[in-house]
Amino acid sequence: MRQSEAFQAVLMHCMATIEAVIPTVELRYRYAIPFYYYYDKPFCYLNASHKKGFVDLGFYRGFQLKTHQEFLVGTDRTMVKSLQFTTVETLDQSVLEAVLLEAMALYA
């Protein structure tokens, strides 16, 4: 990953959390971006937005998520909602894990 140190820390933390919470996800790279698949269906992706200053954790079925709406951003998108993180220190781990688990349940 060719990212700034701060973004790389956020990306690595998110990737480790995703793989720990949902061990059955499969990591694939598309367009040089890490995409996760759950049961061979697109689940989420990570994208570092240097211009905007955050890492975007986008969920493909984001508009179906109910909890933690105050943290999910869906502006100018039709299906995807995302969590946006600037640093590992400002990342709310409990929100991240709860959203991952809820998103996983949408695929059941």
N, C-alpha and C. Protein backbone atom coordinates (compact mmCIF):
# COMPACT_ATOMS: atom_id res chain seq x y z
N MET A 1 0.83 -1.19 0.00
CA MET A 1 0.00 0.00 0.00
C MET A 1 0.87 1.24 0.00
N ARG A 2 0.65 2.10 -0.95
CA ARG A 2 1.39 3.35 -1.00
C ARG A 2 0.50 4.45 -0.45
N GLN A 3 0.47 4.59 0.84
CA GLN A 3 -0.36 5.58 1.51
C GLN A 3 0.48 6.32 2.53
N SER A 4 -0.02 7.47 2.96
CA SER A 4 0.66 8.16 4.04
C SER A 4 0.61 7.28 5.28
N GLU A 5 1.50 7.55 6.21
CA GLU A 5 1.58 6.71 7.41
C GLU A 5 0.26 6.70 8.18
N ALA A 6 -0.40 7.85 8.29
CA ALA A 6 -1.67 7.93 9.02
C ALA A 6 -2.75 7.12 8.31
N PHE A 7 -2.86 7.27 6.99
CA PHE A 7 -3.86 6.51 6.25
C PHE A 7 -3.55 5.03 6.27
N GLN A 8 -2.28 4.68 6.17
CA GLN A 8 -1.91 3.27 6.19
C GLN A 8 -2.30 2.64 7.53
N ALA A 9 -2.12 3.36 8.62
CA ALA A 9 -2.50 2.85 9.94
C ALA A 9 -4.01 2.60 10.00
N VAL A 10 -4.80 3.52 9.48
CA VAL A 10 -6.26 3.36 9.48
C VAL A 10 -6.65 2.17 8.60
N LEU A 11 -6.07 2.09 7.41
CA LEU A 11 -6.37 0.99 6.50
C LEU A 11 -6.03 -0.36 7.12
N MET A 12 -4.86 -0.46 7.70
CA MET A 12 -4.43 -1.73 8.31
C MET A 12 -5.33 -2.09 9.50
N HIS A 13 -5.70 -1.10 10.30
CA HIS A 13 -6.57 -1.35 11.45
C HIS A 13 -7.94 -1.85 10.97
N CYS A 14 -8.49 -1.17 9.98
CA CYS A 14 -9.80 -1.59 9.45
C CYS A 14 -9.74 -2.99 8.84
N MET A 15 -8.69 -3.26 8.08
CA MET A 15 -8.55 -4.57 7.47
C MET A 15 -8.44 -5.67 8.53
N ALA A 16 -7.66 -5.42 9.57
CA ALA A 16 -7.52 -6.40 10.65
C ALA A 16 -8.85 -6.62 11.36
N THR A 17 -9.59 -5.54 11.58
CA THR A 17 -10.89 -5.66 12.25
C THR A 17 -11.88 -6.42 11.39
N ILE A 18 -11.95 -6.09 10.12
CA ILE A 18 -12.88 -6.78 9.21
C ILE A 18 -12.58 -8.28 9.21
N GLU A 19 -11.32 -8.64 9.10
CA GLU A 19 -10.94 -10.06 9.03
C GLU A 19 -11.12 -10.77 10.37
N ALA A 20 -11.03 -10.04 11.48
CA ALA A 20 -11.24 -10.65 12.80
C ALA A 20 -12.73 -10.84 13.08
N VAL A 21 -13.54 -9.85 12.73
CA VAL A 21 -14.98 -9.92 13.01
C VAL A 21 -15.68 -10.89 12.06
N ILE A 22 -15.23 -10.93 10.80
CA ILE A 22 -15.86 -11.78 9.79
C ILE A 22 -14.76 -12.60 9.11
N PRO A 23 -14.32 -13.68 9.75
CA PRO A 23 -13.18 -14.44 9.22
C PRO A 23 -13.42 -15.06 7.85
N THR A 24 -14.67 -15.18 7.43
CA THR A 24 -14.96 -15.83 6.15
C THR A 24 -14.93 -14.86 4.96
N VAL A 25 -14.65 -13.57 5.20
CA VAL A 25 -14.57 -12.64 4.07
C VAL A 25 -13.34 -12.96 3.23
N GLU A 26 -13.42 -12.58 1.97
CA GLU A 26 -12.31 -12.79 1.06
C GLU A 26 -11.84 -11.43 0.55
N LEU A 27 -10.55 -11.17 0.68
CA LEU A 27 -9.97 -9.92 0.22
C LEU A 27 -9.55 -10.05 -1.24
N ARG A 28 -10.02 -9.13 -2.05
CA ARG A 28 -9.61 -9.04 -3.45
C ARG A 28 -9.28 -7.57 -3.72
N TYR A 29 -8.41 -7.34 -4.65
CA TYR A 29 -8.08 -5.96 -5.03
C TYR A 29 -8.70 -5.66 -6.38
N ARG A 30 -9.46 -4.56 -6.43
CA ARG A 30 -10.04 -4.08 -7.68
C ARG A 30 -9.70 -2.61 -7.78
N TYR A 31 -9.20 -2.22 -8.93
CA TYR A 31 -8.81 -0.83 -9.14
C TYR A 31 -7.79 -0.37 -8.10
N ALA A 32 -6.93 -1.29 -7.66
CA ALA A 32 -5.90 -1.05 -6.64
C ALA A 32 -6.49 -0.66 -5.29
N ILE A 33 -7.72 -1.06 -5.05
CA ILE A 33 -8.42 -0.78 -3.79
C ILE A 33 -8.80 -2.12 -3.16
N PRO A 34 -8.62 -2.26 -1.83
CA PRO A 34 -9.04 -3.52 -1.19
C PRO A 34 -10.57 -3.64 -1.12
N PHE A 35 -11.08 -4.69 -1.73
CA PHE A 35 -12.51 -5.01 -1.69
C PHE A 35 -12.67 -6.32 -0.93
N TYR A 36 -13.68 -6.37 -0.08
CA TYR A 36 -13.99 -7.60 0.63
C TYR A 36 -15.27 -8.19 0.07
N TYR A 37 -15.25 -9.51 -0.08
CA TYR A 37 -16.40 -10.26 -0.56
C TYR A 37 -16.85 -11.22 0.54
N TYR A 38 -18.16 -11.33 0.69
CA TYR A 38 -18.74 -12.24 1.67
C TYR A 38 -19.61 -13.21 0.90
N TYR A 39 -19.28 -14.49 0.96
CA TYR A 39 -19.94 -15.52 0.17
C TYR A 39 -19.98 -15.12 -1.30
N ASP A 40 -18.84 -14.66 -1.80
CA ASP A 40 -18.62 -14.31 -3.20
C ASP A 40 -19.46 -13.12 -3.67
N LYS A 41 -20.01 -12.34 -2.74
CA LYS A 41 -20.77 -11.14 -3.08
C LYS A 41 -20.03 -9.93 -2.53
N PRO A 42 -20.03 -8.80 -3.25
CA PRO A 42 -19.35 -7.61 -2.74
C PRO A 42 -19.91 -7.20 -1.38
N PHE A 43 -19.03 -6.97 -0.44
CA PHE A 43 -19.43 -6.66 0.94
C PHE A 43 -19.03 -5.23 1.31
N CYS A 44 -17.73 -4.93 1.23
CA CYS A 44 -17.26 -3.59 1.57
C CYS A 44 -15.93 -3.32 0.89
N TYR A 45 -15.51 -2.07 0.92
CA TYR A 45 -14.22 -1.69 0.35
C TYR A 45 -13.61 -0.58 1.19
N LEU A 46 -12.32 -0.40 1.04
CA LEU A 46 -11.58 0.67 1.71
C LEU A 46 -10.94 1.56 0.66
N ASN A 47 -11.10 2.86 0.82
CA ASN A 47 -10.52 3.79 -0.12
C ASN A 47 -9.98 5.01 0.64
N ALA A 48 -8.72 5.30 0.44
CA ALA A 48 -8.11 6.48 1.07
C ALA A 48 -8.33 7.68 0.17
N SER A 49 -9.02 8.68 0.67
CA SER A 49 -9.27 9.91 -0.09
C SER A 49 -8.34 11.00 0.43
N HIS A 50 -7.23 11.17 -0.25
CA HIS A 50 -6.22 12.14 0.20
C HIS A 50 -6.73 13.57 0.09
N LYS A 51 -7.49 13.86 -0.96
CA LYS A 51 -8.02 15.20 -1.13
C LYS A 51 -8.99 15.57 -0.02
N LYS A 52 -9.81 14.62 0.38
CA LYS A 52 -10.82 14.88 1.41
C LYS A 52 -10.30 14.62 2.82
N GLY A 53 -9.20 13.88 2.93
CA GLY A 53 -8.55 13.68 4.22
C GLY A 53 -9.12 12.59 5.10
N PHE A 54 -9.64 11.52 4.49
CA PHE A 54 -10.16 10.43 5.30
C PHE A 54 -10.06 9.11 4.55
N VAL A 55 -10.21 8.02 5.30
CA VAL A 55 -10.34 6.68 4.73
C VAL A 55 -11.82 6.33 4.75
N ASP A 56 -12.31 5.89 3.62
CA ASP A 56 -13.72 5.56 3.43
C ASP A 56 -13.88 4.05 3.49
N LEU A 57 -14.70 3.58 4.42
CA LEU A 57 -15.05 2.16 4.49
C LEU A 57 -16.48 2.05 3.99
N GLY A 58 -16.63 1.70 2.72
CA GLY A 58 -17.94 1.67 2.08
C GLY A 58 -18.59 0.30 2.15
N PHE A 59 -19.89 0.30 2.45
CA PHE A 59 -20.67 -0.94 2.53
C PHE A 59 -21.65 -0.99 1.36
N TYR A 60 -21.60 -2.07 0.59
CA TYR A 60 -22.44 -2.19 -0.59
C TYR A 60 -23.92 -2.12 -0.29
N ARG A 61 -24.34 -2.66 0.81
CA ARG A 61 -25.76 -2.60 1.19
C ARG A 61 -25.96 -1.58 2.30
N GLY A 62 -25.21 -0.53 2.24
CA GLY A 62 -25.19 0.48 3.30
C GLY A 62 -26.53 1.13 3.58
N PHE A 63 -27.36 1.31 2.55
CA PHE A 63 -28.64 1.95 2.78
C PHE A 63 -29.63 1.02 3.48
N GLN A 64 -29.30 -0.23 3.65
CA GLN A 64 -30.15 -1.15 4.40
C GLN A 64 -29.76 -1.19 5.87
N LEU A 65 -28.64 -0.59 6.22
CA LEU A 65 -28.21 -0.58 7.62
C LEU A 65 -29.10 0.34 8.45
N LYS A 66 -29.40 -0.07 9.67
CA LYS A 66 -30.31 0.69 10.54
C LYS A 66 -29.59 1.37 11.70
N THR A 67 -28.60 0.68 12.29
CA THR A 67 -27.94 1.23 13.47
C THR A 67 -26.81 2.17 13.08
N HIS A 68 -26.48 3.05 13.98
CA HIS A 68 -25.37 3.99 13.84
C HIS A 68 -25.48 4.87 12.60
N GLN A 69 -26.70 5.27 12.26
CA GLN A 69 -26.92 6.14 11.11
C GLN A 69 -26.18 7.47 11.25
N GLU A 70 -25.96 7.90 12.49
CA GLU A 70 -25.26 9.17 12.71
C GLU A 70 -23.80 9.12 12.25
N PHE A 71 -23.26 7.92 12.05
CA PHE A 71 -21.88 7.76 11.60
C PHE A 71 -21.76 7.40 10.12
N LEU A 72 -22.85 6.96 9.52
CA LEU A 72 -22.82 6.50 8.13
C LEU A 72 -23.09 7.65 7.16
N VAL A 73 -22.27 7.73 6.13
CA VAL A 73 -22.37 8.79 5.13
C VAL A 73 -22.82 8.18 3.81
N GLY A 74 -23.87 8.74 3.22
CA GLY A 74 -24.37 8.23 1.96
C GLY A 74 -24.59 9.32 0.92
N THR A 75 -24.02 10.47 1.13
CA THR A 75 -24.20 11.61 0.23
C THR A 75 -23.81 11.26 -1.21
N ASP A 76 -24.69 11.59 -2.14
CA ASP A 76 -24.47 11.39 -3.58
C ASP A 76 -24.24 9.94 -3.96
N ARG A 77 -24.82 9.01 -3.23
CA ARG A 77 -24.69 7.59 -3.55
C ARG A 77 -26.07 6.95 -3.55
N THR A 78 -26.22 5.89 -4.33
CA THR A 78 -27.53 5.23 -4.40
C THR A 78 -27.62 3.99 -3.52
N MET A 79 -26.52 3.28 -3.34
CA MET A 79 -26.55 2.05 -2.54
C MET A 79 -25.57 2.06 -1.38
N VAL A 80 -24.42 2.65 -1.59
CA VAL A 80 -23.33 2.57 -0.63
C VAL A 80 -23.45 3.64 0.45
N LYS A 81 -23.24 3.22 1.69
CA LYS A 81 -23.03 4.13 2.80
C LYS A 81 -21.69 3.76 3.40
N SER A 82 -21.04 4.72 4.02
CA SER A 82 -19.70 4.42 4.52
C SER A 82 -19.42 5.05 5.86
N LEU A 83 -18.45 4.46 6.53
CA LEU A 83 -17.84 5.05 7.71
C LEU A 83 -16.59 5.75 7.22
N GLN A 84 -16.32 6.93 7.76
CA GLN A 84 -15.14 7.67 7.34
C GLN A 84 -14.26 7.94 8.54
N PHE A 85 -12.96 7.63 8.39
CA PHE A 85 -12.01 7.75 9.49
C PHE A 85 -10.82 8.60 9.07
N THR A 86 -10.40 9.48 9.98
CA THR A 86 -9.22 10.30 9.70
C THR A 86 -7.98 9.73 10.36
N THR A 87 -8.12 9.17 11.56
CA THR A 87 -7.00 8.55 12.27
C THR A 87 -7.50 7.34 13.04
N VAL A 88 -6.58 6.49 13.43
CA VAL A 88 -6.94 5.33 14.25
C VAL A 88 -7.46 5.80 15.61
N GLU A 89 -6.89 6.88 16.12
CA GLU A 89 -7.28 7.38 17.44
C GLU A 89 -8.72 7.88 17.47
N THR A 90 -9.22 8.40 16.36
CA THR A 90 -10.60 8.91 16.34
C THR A 90 -11.60 7.85 15.89
N LEU A 91 -11.13 6.68 15.52
CA LEU A 91 -11.98 5.59 15.06
C LEU A 91 -12.69 4.97 16.26
N ASP A 92 -14.00 4.85 16.20
CA ASP A 92 -14.78 4.23 17.28
C ASP A 92 -14.89 2.72 16.97
N GLN A 93 -14.10 1.94 17.69
CA GLN A 93 -14.03 0.50 17.43
C GLN A 93 -15.37 -0.20 17.62
N SER A 94 -16.14 0.20 18.63
CA SER A 94 -17.42 -0.47 18.87
C SER A 94 -18.40 -0.19 17.73
N VAL A 95 -18.39 1.01 17.17
CA VAL A 95 -19.25 1.34 16.03
C VAL A 95 -18.80 0.53 14.81
N LEU A 96 -17.51 0.49 14.57
CA LEU A 96 -16.98 -0.27 13.44
C LEU A 96 -17.42 -1.72 13.52
N GLU A 97 -17.24 -2.36 14.66
CA GLU A 97 -17.62 -3.77 14.80
C GLU A 97 -19.12 -3.98 14.69
N ALA A 98 -19.91 -3.08 15.27
CA ALA A 98 -21.37 -3.21 15.21
C ALA A 98 -21.88 -3.08 13.77
N VAL A 99 -21.34 -2.13 13.02
CA VAL A 99 -21.75 -1.95 11.62
C VAL A 99 -21.33 -3.16 10.79
N LEU A 100 -20.13 -3.68 11.02
CA LEU A 100 -19.70 -4.88 10.30
C LEU A 100 -20.65 -6.05 10.56
N LEU A 101 -21.02 -6.26 11.81
CA LEU A 101 -21.91 -7.38 12.14
C LEU A 101 -23.30 -7.18 11.55
N GLU A 102 -23.82 -5.96 11.58
CA GLU A 102 -25.12 -5.71 10.99
C GLU A 102 -25.07 -5.90 9.47
N ALA A 103 -24.02 -5.40 8.84
CA ALA A 103 -23.86 -5.57 7.39
C ALA A 103 -23.77 -7.05 7.02
N MET A 104 -23.06 -7.83 7.82
CA MET A 104 -22.93 -9.26 7.57
C MET A 104 -24.30 -9.93 7.63
N ALA A 105 -25.13 -9.52 8.58
CA ALA A 105 -26.46 -10.12 8.73
C ALA A 105 -27.35 -9.87 7.52
N LEU A 106 -27.08 -8.84 6.75
CA LEU A 106 -27.88 -8.56 5.55
C LEU A 106 -27.66 -9.62 4.47
N TYR A 107 -26.59 -10.40 4.59
CA TYR A 107 -26.27 -11.42 3.59
C TYR A 107 -26.78 -12.81 3.98
N ALA A 108 -27.41 -12.91 5.12
CA ALA A 108 -27.88 -14.22 5.60
C ALA A 108 -29.11 -14.70 4.85
